[in-house]
PDB file of all heavy atoms in Angstrom:
ATOM      1  N   THR A   1     -18.787  -7.726  17.849  1.00  0.00           N
ATOM      2  CA  THR A   1     -19.035  -7.499  16.426  1.00  0.00           C
ATOM      3  C   THR A   1     -18.728  -6.053  16.053  1.00  0.00           C
ATOM      4  O   THR A   1     -18.099  -5.774  15.018  1.00  0.00           O
ATOM      5  CB  THR A   1     -20.493  -7.829  16.080  1.00  0.00           C
ATOM      6  OG1 THR A   1     -20.746  -9.203  16.396  1.00  0.00           O
ATOM      7  CG2 THR A   1     -20.774  -7.579  14.600  1.00  0.00           C
ATOM      8  N   SER A   2     -19.141  -5.128  16.899  1.00  0.00           N
ATOM      9  CA  SER A   2     -18.867  -3.709  16.639  1.00  0.00           C
ATOM     10  C   SER A   2     -17.368  -3.439  16.623  1.00  0.00           C
ATOM     11  O   SER A   2     -16.844  -2.738  15.742  1.00  0.00           O
ATOM     12  CB  SER A   2     -19.544  -2.834  17.699  1.00  0.00           C
ATOM     13  OG  SER A   2     -20.947  -3.015  17.675  1.00  0.00           O
ATOM     14  N   GLU A   3     -16.669  -4.003  17.605  1.00  0.00           N
ATOM     15  CA  GLU A   3     -15.229  -3.768  17.682  1.00  0.00           C
ATOM     16  C   GLU A   3     -14.505  -4.337  16.450  1.00  0.00           C
ATOM     17  O   GLU A   3     -13.606  -3.694  15.890  1.00  0.00           O
ATOM     18  CB  GLU A   3     -14.674  -4.400  18.956  1.00  0.00           C
ATOM     19  CG  GLU A   3     -15.115  -3.695  20.234  1.00  0.00           C
ATOM     20  CD  GLU A   3     -14.632  -4.419  21.476  1.00  0.00           C
ATOM     21  OE1 GLU A   3     -14.199  -5.588  21.327  1.00  0.00           O
ATOM     22  OE2 GLU A   3     -14.669  -3.828  22.554  1.00  0.00           O
ATOM     23  N   VAL A   4     -14.916  -5.544  16.060  1.00  0.00           N
ATOM     24  CA  VAL A   4     -14.282  -6.175  14.905  1.00  0.00           C
ATOM     25  C   VAL A   4     -14.535  -5.366  13.643  1.00  0.00           C
ATOM     26  O   VAL A   4     -13.635  -5.155  12.815  1.00  0.00           O
ATOM     27  CB  VAL A   4     -14.796  -7.629  14.736  1.00  0.00           C
ATOM     28  CG1 VAL A   4     -14.379  -8.189  13.371  1.00  0.00           C
ATOM     29  CG2 VAL A   4     -14.248  -8.506  15.854  1.00  0.00           C
ATOM     30  N   GLU A   5     -15.748  -4.877  13.489  1.00  0.00           N
ATOM     31  CA  GLU A   5     -16.070  -4.089  12.301  1.00  0.00           C
ATOM     32  C   GLU A   5     -15.268  -2.794  12.263  1.00  0.00           C
ATOM     33  O   GLU A   5     -14.825  -2.345  11.197  1.00  0.00           O
ATOM     34  CB  GLU A   5     -17.574  -3.778  12.260  1.00  0.00           C
ATOM     35  CG  GLU A   5     -18.452  -4.971  11.961  1.00  0.00           C
ATOM     36  CD  GLU A   5     -18.111  -5.596  10.630  1.00  0.00           C
ATOM     37  OE1 GLU A   5     -17.876  -4.846   9.651  1.00  0.00           O
ATOM     38  OE2 GLU A   5     -18.035  -6.845  10.557  1.00  0.00           O
ATOM     39  N   VAL A   6     -15.085  -2.181  13.435  1.00  0.00           N
ATOM     40  CA  VAL A   6     -14.278  -0.959  13.495  1.00  0.00           C
ATOM     41  C   VAL A   6     -12.835  -1.263  13.077  1.00  0.00           C
ATOM     42  O   VAL A   6     -12.226  -0.540  12.269  1.00  0.00           O
ATOM     43  CB  VAL A   6     -14.312  -0.347  14.913  1.00  0.00           C
ATOM     44  CG1 VAL A   6     -13.271   0.767  15.045  1.00  0.00           C
ATOM     45  CG2 VAL A   6     -15.693   0.192  15.225  1.00  0.00           C
ATOM     46  N   ILE A   7     -12.289  -2.361  13.632  1.00  0.00           N
ATOM     47  CA  ILE A   7     -10.919  -2.753  13.279  1.00  0.00           C
ATOM     48  C   ILE A   7     -10.807  -3.001  11.774  1.00  0.00           C
ATOM     49  O   ILE A   7      -9.848  -2.577  11.111  1.00  0.00           O
ATOM     50  CB  ILE A   7     -10.504  -4.013  14.060  1.00  0.00           C
ATOM     51  CG1 ILE A   7     -10.277  -3.677  15.532  1.00  0.00           C
ATOM     52  CG2 ILE A   7      -9.241  -4.629  13.460  1.00  0.00           C
ATOM     53  CD1 ILE A   7      -9.049  -2.849  15.794  1.00  0.00           C
ATOM     54  N   LYS A   8     -11.769  -3.691  11.199  1.00  0.00           N
ATOM     55  CA  LYS A   8     -11.733  -4.011   9.768  1.00  0.00           C
ATOM     56  C   LYS A   8     -11.776  -2.743   8.922  1.00  0.00           C
ATOM     57  O   LYS A   8     -11.090  -2.637   7.894  1.00  0.00           O
ATOM     58  CB  LYS A   8     -12.890  -4.938   9.395  1.00  0.00           C
ATOM     59  CG  LYS A   8     -12.712  -6.353   9.948  1.00  0.00           C
ATOM     60  CD  LYS A   8     -13.939  -7.225   9.732  1.00  0.00           C
ATOM     61  CE  LYS A   8     -14.097  -7.598   8.282  1.00  0.00           C
ATOM     62  NZ  LYS A   8     -15.222  -8.541   8.093  1.00  0.00           N
ATOM     63  N   LEU A   9     -12.600  -1.781   9.329  1.00  0.00           N
ATOM     64  CA  LEU A   9     -12.650  -0.515   8.591  1.00  0.00           C
ATOM     65  C   LEU A   9     -11.303   0.194   8.633  1.00  0.00           C
ATOM     66  O   LEU A   9     -10.821   0.727   7.627  1.00  0.00           O
ATOM     67  CB  LEU A   9     -13.737   0.388   9.163  1.00  0.00           C
ATOM     68  CG  LEU A   9     -15.177   0.127   8.706  1.00  0.00           C
ATOM     69  CD1 LEU A   9     -16.136   1.043   9.454  1.00  0.00           C
ATOM     70  CD2 LEU A   9     -15.302   0.357   7.211  1.00  0.00           C
ATOM     71  N   LEU A  10     -10.687   0.204   9.812  1.00  0.00           N
ATOM     72  CA  LEU A  10      -9.401   0.879   9.951  1.00  0.00           C
ATOM     73  C   LEU A  10      -8.314   0.163   9.139  1.00  0.00           C
ATOM     74  O   LEU A  10      -7.483   0.806   8.489  1.00  0.00           O
ATOM     75  CB  LEU A  10      -9.005   0.929  11.430  1.00  0.00           C
ATOM     76  CG  LEU A  10      -9.911   1.775  12.334  1.00  0.00           C
ATOM     77  CD1 LEU A  10      -9.478   1.658  13.791  1.00  0.00           C
ATOM     78  CD2 LEU A  10      -9.908   3.235  11.899  1.00  0.00           C
ATOM     79  N   ILE A  11      -8.332  -1.184   9.195  1.00  0.00           N
ATOM     80  CA  ILE A  11      -7.335  -1.953   8.427  1.00  0.00           C
ATOM     81  C   ILE A  11      -7.509  -1.706   6.937  1.00  0.00           C
ATOM     82  O   ILE A  11      -6.532  -1.461   6.212  1.00  0.00           O
ATOM     83  CB  ILE A  11      -7.478  -3.459   8.745  1.00  0.00           C
ATOM     84  CG1 ILE A  11      -7.027  -3.738  10.187  1.00  0.00           C
ATOM     85  CG2 ILE A  11      -6.651  -4.294   7.762  1.00  0.00           C
ATOM     86  CD1 ILE A  11      -7.319  -5.158  10.640  1.00  0.00           C
ATOM     87  N   THR A  12      -8.747  -1.764   6.463  1.00  0.00           N
ATOM     88  CA  THR A  12      -9.013  -1.544   5.043  1.00  0.00           C
ATOM     89  C   THR A  12      -8.548  -0.167   4.601  1.00  0.00           C
ATOM     90  O   THR A  12      -7.907  -0.002   3.551  1.00  0.00           O
ATOM     91  CB  THR A  12     -10.511  -1.707   4.747  1.00  0.00           C
ATOM     92  OG1 THR A  12     -10.923  -3.022   5.112  1.00  0.00           O
ATOM     93  CG2 THR A  12     -10.803  -1.464   3.272  1.00  0.00           C
ATOM     94  N   SER A  13      -8.858   0.849   5.419  1.00  0.00           N
ATOM     95  CA  SER A  13      -8.482   2.216   5.081  1.00  0.00           C
ATOM     96  C   SER A  13      -6.972   2.355   4.978  1.00  0.00           C
ATOM     97  O   SER A  13      -6.441   2.880   3.989  1.00  0.00           O
ATOM     98  CB  SER A  13      -9.032   3.185   6.133  1.00  0.00           C
ATOM     99  OG  SER A  13      -8.556   4.496   5.887  1.00  0.00           O
ATOM    100  N   TYR A  14      -6.247   1.846   5.995  1.00  0.00           N
ATOM    101  CA  TYR A  14      -4.797   2.042   5.989  1.00  0.00           C
ATOM    102  C   TYR A  14      -4.117   1.156   4.943  1.00  0.00           C
ATOM    103  O   TYR A  14      -3.163   1.580   4.275  1.00  0.00           O
ATOM    104  CB  TYR A  14      -4.219   1.747   7.377  1.00  0.00           C
ATOM    105  CG  TYR A  14      -2.804   2.259   7.509  1.00  0.00           C
ATOM    106  CD1 TYR A  14      -2.556   3.610   7.801  1.00  0.00           C
ATOM    107  CD2 TYR A  14      -1.712   1.428   7.303  1.00  0.00           C
ATOM    108  CE1 TYR A  14      -1.262   4.102   7.888  1.00  0.00           C
ATOM    109  CE2 TYR A  14      -0.423   1.915   7.393  1.00  0.00           C
ATOM    110  CZ  TYR A  14      -0.200   3.254   7.684  1.00  0.00           C
ATOM    111  OH  TYR A  14       1.071   3.733   7.755  1.00  0.00           O
ATOM    112  N   PHE A  15      -4.623  -0.092   4.793  1.00  0.00           N
ATOM    113  CA  PHE A  15      -4.007  -1.001   3.824  1.00  0.00           C
ATOM    114  C   PHE A  15      -4.162  -0.466   2.398  1.00  0.00           C
ATOM    115  O   PHE A  15      -3.269  -0.634   1.563  1.00  0.00           O
ATOM    116  CB  PHE A  15      -4.639  -2.388   3.950  1.00  0.00           C
ATOM    117  CG  PHE A  15      -3.826  -3.476   3.303  1.00  0.00           C
ATOM    118  CD1 PHE A  15      -2.466  -3.610   3.554  1.00  0.00           C
ATOM    119  CD2 PHE A  15      -4.406  -4.374   2.429  1.00  0.00           C
ATOM    120  CE1 PHE A  15      -1.715  -4.609   2.962  1.00  0.00           C
ATOM    121  CE2 PHE A  15      -3.665  -5.376   1.827  1.00  0.00           C
ATOM    122  CZ  PHE A  15      -2.313  -5.495   2.100  1.00  0.00           C
ATOM    123  N   ASN A  16      -5.259   0.194   2.105  1.00  0.00           N
ATOM    124  CA  ASN A  16      -5.437   0.807   0.779  1.00  0.00           C
ATOM    125  C   ASN A  16      -4.432   1.926   0.549  1.00  0.00           C
ATOM    126  O   ASN A  16      -3.944   2.125  -0.575  1.00  0.00           O
ATOM    127  CB  ASN A  16      -6.865   1.341   0.627  1.00  0.00           C
ATOM    128  CG  ASN A  16      -7.871   0.227   0.404  1.00  0.00           C
ATOM    129  OD1 ASN A  16      -7.510  -0.875   0.004  1.00  0.00           O
ATOM    130  ND2 ASN A  16      -9.138   0.501   0.687  1.00  0.00           N
ATOM    131  N   ILE A  17      -4.113   2.671   1.623  1.00  0.00           N
ATOM    132  CA  ILE A  17      -3.089   3.715   1.503  1.00  0.00           C
ATOM    133  C   ILE A  17      -1.737   3.087   1.158  1.00  0.00           C
ATOM    134  O   ILE A  17      -1.015   3.554   0.269  1.00  0.00           O
ATOM    135  CB  ILE A  17      -2.983   4.521   2.821  1.00  0.00           C
ATOM    136  CG1 ILE A  17      -4.277   5.312   3.058  1.00  0.00           C
ATOM    137  CG2 ILE A  17      -1.779   5.463   2.782  1.00  0.00           C
ATOM    138  CD1 ILE A  17      -4.335   5.976   4.421  1.00  0.00           C
ATOM    139  N   VAL A  18      -1.417   1.984   1.860  1.00  0.00           N
ATOM    140  CA  VAL A  18      -0.142   1.301   1.616  1.00  0.00           C
ATOM    141  C   VAL A  18      -0.114   0.734   0.191  1.00  0.00           C
ATOM    142  O   VAL A  18       0.911   0.808  -0.504  1.00  0.00           O
ATOM    143  CB  VAL A  18       0.079   0.183   2.648  1.00  0.00           C
ATOM    144  CG1 VAL A  18       1.349  -0.610   2.319  1.00  0.00           C
ATOM    145  CG2 VAL A  18       0.179   0.770   4.051  1.00  0.00           C
ATOM    146  N   LYS A  19      -1.215   0.160  -0.247  1.00  0.00           N
ATOM    147  CA  LYS A  19      -1.285  -0.389  -1.605  1.00  0.00           C
ATOM    148  C   LYS A  19      -0.986   0.682  -2.642  1.00  0.00           C
ATOM    149  O   LYS A  19      -0.205   0.472  -3.579  1.00  0.00           O
ATOM    150  CB  LYS A  19      -2.675  -0.985  -1.871  1.00  0.00           C
ATOM    151  CG  LYS A  19      -2.925  -2.336  -1.251  1.00  0.00           C
ATOM    152  CD  LYS A  19      -4.323  -2.816  -1.649  1.00  0.00           C
ATOM    153  CE  LYS A  19      -4.641  -4.176  -1.076  1.00  0.00           C
ATOM    154  NZ  LYS A  19      -5.992  -4.620  -1.479  1.00  0.00           N
ATOM    155  N   ARG A  20      -1.629   1.831  -2.483  1.00  0.00           N
ATOM    156  CA  ARG A  20      -1.399   2.921  -3.435  1.00  0.00           C
ATOM    157  C   ARG A  20       0.062   3.354  -3.420  1.00  0.00           C
ATOM    158  O   ARG A  20       0.655   3.653  -4.465  1.00  0.00           O
ATOM    159  CB  ARG A  20      -2.323   4.104  -3.129  1.00  0.00           C
ATOM    160  CG  ARG A  20      -3.794   3.846  -3.420  1.00  0.00           C
ATOM    161  CD  ARG A  20      -4.591   5.141  -3.428  1.00  0.00           C
ATOM    162  NE  ARG A  20      -4.604   5.785  -2.129  1.00  0.00           N
ATOM    163  CZ  ARG A  20      -5.506   5.560  -1.165  1.00  0.00           C
ATOM    164  NH1 ARG A  20      -6.467   4.661  -1.386  1.00  0.00           N
ATOM    165  NH2 ARG A  20      -5.462   6.192  -0.021  1.00  0.00           N
ATOM    166  N   THR A  21       0.642   3.386  -2.224  1.00  0.00           N
ATOM    167  CA  THR A  21       2.046   3.779  -2.110  1.00  0.00           C
ATOM    168  C   THR A  21       2.948   2.769  -2.820  1.00  0.00           C
ATOM    169  O   THR A  21       3.872   3.143  -3.562  1.00  0.00           O
ATOM    170  CB  THR A  21       2.449   3.888  -0.629  1.00  0.00           C
ATOM    171  OG1 THR A  21       1.594   4.834   0.025  1.00  0.00           O
ATOM    172  CG2 THR A  21       3.903   4.335  -0.501  1.00  0.00           C
ATOM    173  N   MET A  22       2.685   1.474  -2.618  1.00  0.00           N
ATOM    174  CA  MET A  22       3.506   0.435  -3.247  1.00  0.00           C
ATOM    175  C   MET A  22       3.337   0.443  -4.769  1.00  0.00           C
ATOM    176  O   MET A  22       4.315   0.284  -5.508  1.00  0.00           O
ATOM    177  CB  MET A  22       3.125  -0.946  -2.688  1.00  0.00           C
ATOM    178  CG  MET A  22       3.537  -1.177  -1.250  1.00  0.00           C
ATOM    179  SD  MET A  22       5.329  -1.159  -1.003  1.00  0.00           S
ATOM    180  CE  MET A  22       5.566   0.484  -0.355  1.00  0.00           C
ATOM    181  N   ILE A  23       2.110   0.600  -5.243  1.00  0.00           N
ATOM    182  CA  ILE A  23       1.866   0.639  -6.685  1.00  0.00           C
ATOM    183  C   ILE A  23       2.626   1.795  -7.324  1.00  0.00           C
ATOM    184  O   ILE A  23       3.061   1.719  -8.477  1.00  0.00           O
ATOM    185  CB  ILE A  23       0.351   0.746  -6.964  1.00  0.00           C
ATOM    186  CG1 ILE A  23      -0.338  -0.579  -6.608  1.00  0.00           C
ATOM    187  CG2 ILE A  23       0.072   1.106  -8.418  1.00  0.00           C
ATOM    188  CD1 ILE A  23      -1.852  -0.517  -6.669  1.00  0.00           C
ATOM    189  N   ASP A  24       2.855   2.854  -6.551  1.00  0.00           N
ATOM    190  CA  ASP A  24       3.591   4.006  -7.065  1.00  0.00           C
ATOM    191  C   ASP A  24       5.100   3.846  -6.893  1.00  0.00           C
ATOM    192  O   ASP A  24       5.872   4.162  -7.809  1.00  0.00           O
ATOM    193  CB  ASP A  24       3.121   5.266  -6.333  1.00  0.00           C
ATOM    194  CG  ASP A  24       3.848   6.515  -6.819  1.00  0.00           C
ATOM    195  OD1 ASP A  24       3.855   6.749  -8.049  1.00  0.00           O
ATOM    196  OD2 ASP A  24       4.420   7.231  -5.988  1.00  0.00           O
ATOM    197  N   MET A  25       5.524   3.336  -5.730  1.00  0.00           N
ATOM    198  CA  MET A  25       6.943   3.367  -5.395  1.00  0.00           C
ATOM    199  C   MET A  25       7.732   2.167  -5.931  1.00  0.00           C
ATOM    200  O   MET A  25       8.897   2.318  -6.322  1.00  0.00           O
ATOM    201  CB  MET A  25       7.111   3.443  -3.866  1.00  0.00           C
ATOM    202  CG  MET A  25       6.642   4.748  -3.274  1.00  0.00           C
ATOM    203  SD  MET A  25       7.497   6.181  -3.992  1.00  0.00           S
ATOM    204  CE  MET A  25       9.182   5.848  -3.498  1.00  0.00           C
ATOM    205  N   VAL A  26       7.136   0.979  -5.939  1.00  0.00           N
ATOM    206  CA  VAL A  26       7.885  -0.205  -6.383  1.00  0.00           C
ATOM    207  C   VAL A  26       8.329  -0.065  -7.843  1.00  0.00           C
ATOM    208  O   VAL A  26       9.494  -0.323  -8.166  1.00  0.00           O
ATOM    209  CB  VAL A  26       7.066  -1.489  -6.145  1.00  0.00           C
ATOM    210  CG1 VAL A  26       7.695  -2.682  -6.873  1.00  0.00           C
ATOM    211  CG2 VAL A  26       6.979  -1.782  -4.648  1.00  0.00           C
ATOM    212  N   PRO A  27       7.437   0.334  -8.780  1.00  0.00           N
ATOM    213  CA  PRO A  27       7.920   0.556 -10.149  1.00  0.00           C
ATOM    214  C   PRO A  27       9.037   1.591 -10.228  1.00  0.00           C
ATOM    215  O   PRO A  27       9.970   1.450 -11.026  1.00  0.00           O
ATOM    216  CB  PRO A  27       6.661   1.025 -10.895  1.00  0.00           C
ATOM    217  CG  PRO A  27       5.536   0.411 -10.144  1.00  0.00           C
ATOM    218  CD  PRO A  27       5.969   0.456  -8.709  1.00  0.00           C
ATOM    219  N   LYS A  28       8.949   2.631  -9.392  1.00  0.00           N
ATOM    220  CA  LYS A  28      10.002   3.644  -9.389  1.00  0.00           C
ATOM    221  C   LYS A  28      11.329   3.040  -8.926  1.00  0.00           C
ATOM    222  O   LYS A  28      12.396   3.339  -9.483  1.00  0.00           O
ATOM    223  CB  LYS A  28       9.606   4.811  -8.484  1.00  0.00           C
ATOM    224  CG  LYS A  28       8.467   5.658  -9.030  1.00  0.00           C
ATOM    225  CD  LYS A  28       8.106   6.791  -8.086  1.00  0.00           C
ATOM    226  CE  LYS A  28       6.988   7.654  -8.671  1.00  0.00           C
ATOM    227  NZ  LYS A  28       6.591   8.749  -7.771  1.00  0.00           N
ATOM    228  N   ALA A  29      11.242   2.190  -7.908  1.00  0.00           N
ATOM    229  CA  ALA A  29      12.463   1.556  -7.405  1.00  0.00           C
ATOM    230  C   ALA A  29      13.074   0.643  -8.463  1.00  0.00           C
ATOM    231  O   ALA A  29      14.298   0.638  -8.675  1.00  0.00           O
ATOM    232  CB  ALA A  29      12.135   0.765  -6.141  1.00  0.00           C
ATOM    233  N   ILE A  30      12.234  -0.127  -9.149  1.00  0.00           N
ATOM    234  CA  ILE A  30      12.728  -1.042 -10.177  1.00  0.00           C
ATOM    235  C   ILE A  30      13.320  -0.256 -11.345  1.00  0.00           C
ATOM    236  O   ILE A  30      14.372  -0.615 -11.887  1.00  0.00           O
ATOM    237  CB  ILE A  30      11.596  -1.971 -10.657  1.00  0.00           C
ATOM    238  CG1 ILE A  30      11.128  -2.868  -9.509  1.00  0.00           C
ATOM    239  CG2 ILE A  30      12.050  -2.818 -11.838  1.00  0.00           C
ATOM    240  CD1 ILE A  30       9.914  -3.710  -9.834  1.00  0.00           C
ATOM    241  N   MET A  31      12.657   0.812 -11.730  1.00  0.00           N
ATOM    242  CA  MET A  31      13.188   1.642 -12.813  1.00  0.00           C
ATOM    243  C   MET A  31      14.538   2.238 -12.421  1.00  0.00           C
ATOM    244  O   MET A  31      15.476   2.260 -13.232  1.00  0.00           O
ATOM    245  CB  MET A  31      12.202   2.766 -13.143  1.00  0.00           C
ATOM    246  CG  MET A  31      10.986   2.339 -13.939  1.00  0.00           C
ATOM    247  SD  MET A  31      11.391   1.711 -15.586  1.00  0.00           S
ATOM    248  CE  MET A  31      12.133   3.162 -16.333  1.00  0.00           C
ATOM    249  N   TYR A  32      14.656   2.685 -11.180  1.00  0.00           N
ATOM    250  CA  TYR A  32      15.871   3.379 -10.747  1.00  0.00           C
ATOM    251  C   TYR A  32      17.069   2.436 -10.684  1.00  0.00           C
ATOM    252  O   TYR A  32      18.151   2.757 -11.197  1.00  0.00           O
ATOM    253  CB  TYR A  32      15.627   4.021  -9.379  1.00  0.00           C
ATOM    254  CG  TYR A  32      16.845   4.665  -8.769  1.00  0.00           C
ATOM    255  CD1 TYR A  32      17.437   5.781  -9.360  1.00  0.00           C
ATOM    256  CD2 TYR A  32      17.417   4.150  -7.606  1.00  0.00           C
ATOM    257  CE1 TYR A  32      18.567   6.374  -8.810  1.00  0.00           C
ATOM    258  CE2 TYR A  32      18.545   4.727  -7.050  1.00  0.00           C
ATOM    259  CZ  TYR A  32      19.123   5.835  -7.660  1.00  0.00           C
ATOM    260  OH  TYR A  32      20.242   6.415  -7.118  1.00  0.00           O
ATOM    261  N   THR A  33      16.895   1.284 -10.056  1.00  0.00           N
ATOM    262  CA  THR A  33      18.046   0.410  -9.801  1.00  0.00           C
ATOM    263  C   THR A  33      18.249  -0.670 -10.859  1.00  0.00           C
ATOM    264  O   THR A  33      19.317  -1.289 -10.902  1.00  0.00           O
ATOM    265  CB  THR A  33      17.895  -0.284  -8.431  1.00  0.00           C
ATOM    266  OG1 THR A  33      16.645  -0.998  -8.409  1.00  0.00           O
ATOM    267  CG2 THR A  33      17.922   0.735  -7.313  1.00  0.00           C
ATOM    268  N   LEU A  34      17.251  -0.921 -11.729  1.00  0.00           N
ATOM    269  CA  LEU A  34      17.389  -1.989 -12.714  1.00  0.00           C
ATOM    270  C   LEU A  34      17.299  -1.452 -14.140  1.00  0.00           C
ATOM    271  O   LEU A  34      18.271  -1.495 -14.899  1.00  0.00           O
ATOM    272  CB  LEU A  34      16.321  -3.064 -12.479  1.00  0.00           C
ATOM    273  CG  LEU A  34      16.356  -4.276 -13.429  1.00  0.00           C
ATOM    274  CD1 LEU A  34      17.696  -4.973 -13.372  1.00  0.00           C
ATOM    275  CD2 LEU A  34      15.222  -5.239 -13.097  1.00  0.00           C
ATOM    276  N   VAL A  35      16.149  -0.915 -14.513  1.00  0.00           N
ATOM    277  CA  VAL A  35      15.939  -0.521 -15.909  1.00  0.00           C
ATOM    278  C   VAL A  35      16.804   0.680 -16.288  1.00  0.00           C
ATOM    279  O   VAL A  35      17.595   0.630 -17.229  1.00  0.00           O
ATOM    280  CB  VAL A  35      14.446  -0.221 -16.161  1.00  0.00           C
ATOM    281  CG1 VAL A  35      14.229   0.189 -17.621  1.00  0.00           C
ATOM    282  CG2 VAL A  35      13.600  -1.442 -15.830  1.00  0.00           C
ATOM    283  N   GLN A  36      16.653   1.772 -15.539  1.00  0.00           N
ATOM    284  CA  GLN A  36      17.394   2.988 -15.875  1.00  0.00           C
ATOM    285  C   GLN A  36      18.892   2.792 -15.685  1.00  0.00           C
ATOM    286  O   GLN A  36      19.700   3.281 -16.484  1.00  0.00           O
ATOM    287  CB  GLN A  36      16.907   4.155 -15.008  1.00  0.00           C
ATOM    288  CG  GLN A  36      17.498   5.515 -15.391  1.00  0.00           C
ATOM    289  CD  GLN A  36      17.070   5.961 -16.770  1.00  0.00           C
ATOM    290  OE1 GLN A  36      15.916   5.762 -17.158  1.00  0.00           O
ATOM    291  NE2 GLN A  36      17.982   6.570 -17.534  1.00  0.00           N
ATOM    292  N   PHE A  37      19.255   2.050 -14.660  1.00  0.00           N
ATOM    293  CA  PHE A  37      20.676   1.841 -14.395  1.00  0.00           C
ATOM    294  C   PHE A  37      21.327   1.052 -15.531  1.00  0.00           C
ATOM    295  O   PHE A  37      22.420   1.398 -15.987  1.00  0.00           O
ATOM    296  CB  PHE A  37      20.857   1.108 -13.061  1.00  0.00           C
ATOM    297  CG  PHE A  37      22.298   0.951 -12.655  1.00  0.00           C
ATOM    298  CD1 PHE A  37      22.997   2.008 -12.100  1.00  0.00           C
ATOM    299  CD2 PHE A  37      22.962  -0.266 -12.843  1.00  0.00           C
ATOM    300  CE1 PHE A  37      24.333   1.873 -11.735  1.00  0.00           C
ATOM    301  CE2 PHE A  37      24.287  -0.408 -12.487  1.00  0.00           C
ATOM    302  CZ  PHE A  37      24.979   0.659 -11.923  1.00  0.00           C
TER     303      PHE A  37
END
């Protein structure tokens, strides 16, 4: 149980970082190659 909880905390922490990155970068990519282009 302890090991699983540690893994879950680490996954949540890193996945939130990735989410923030995607929320920032995907719109930029779409703007660059589709809208702005």
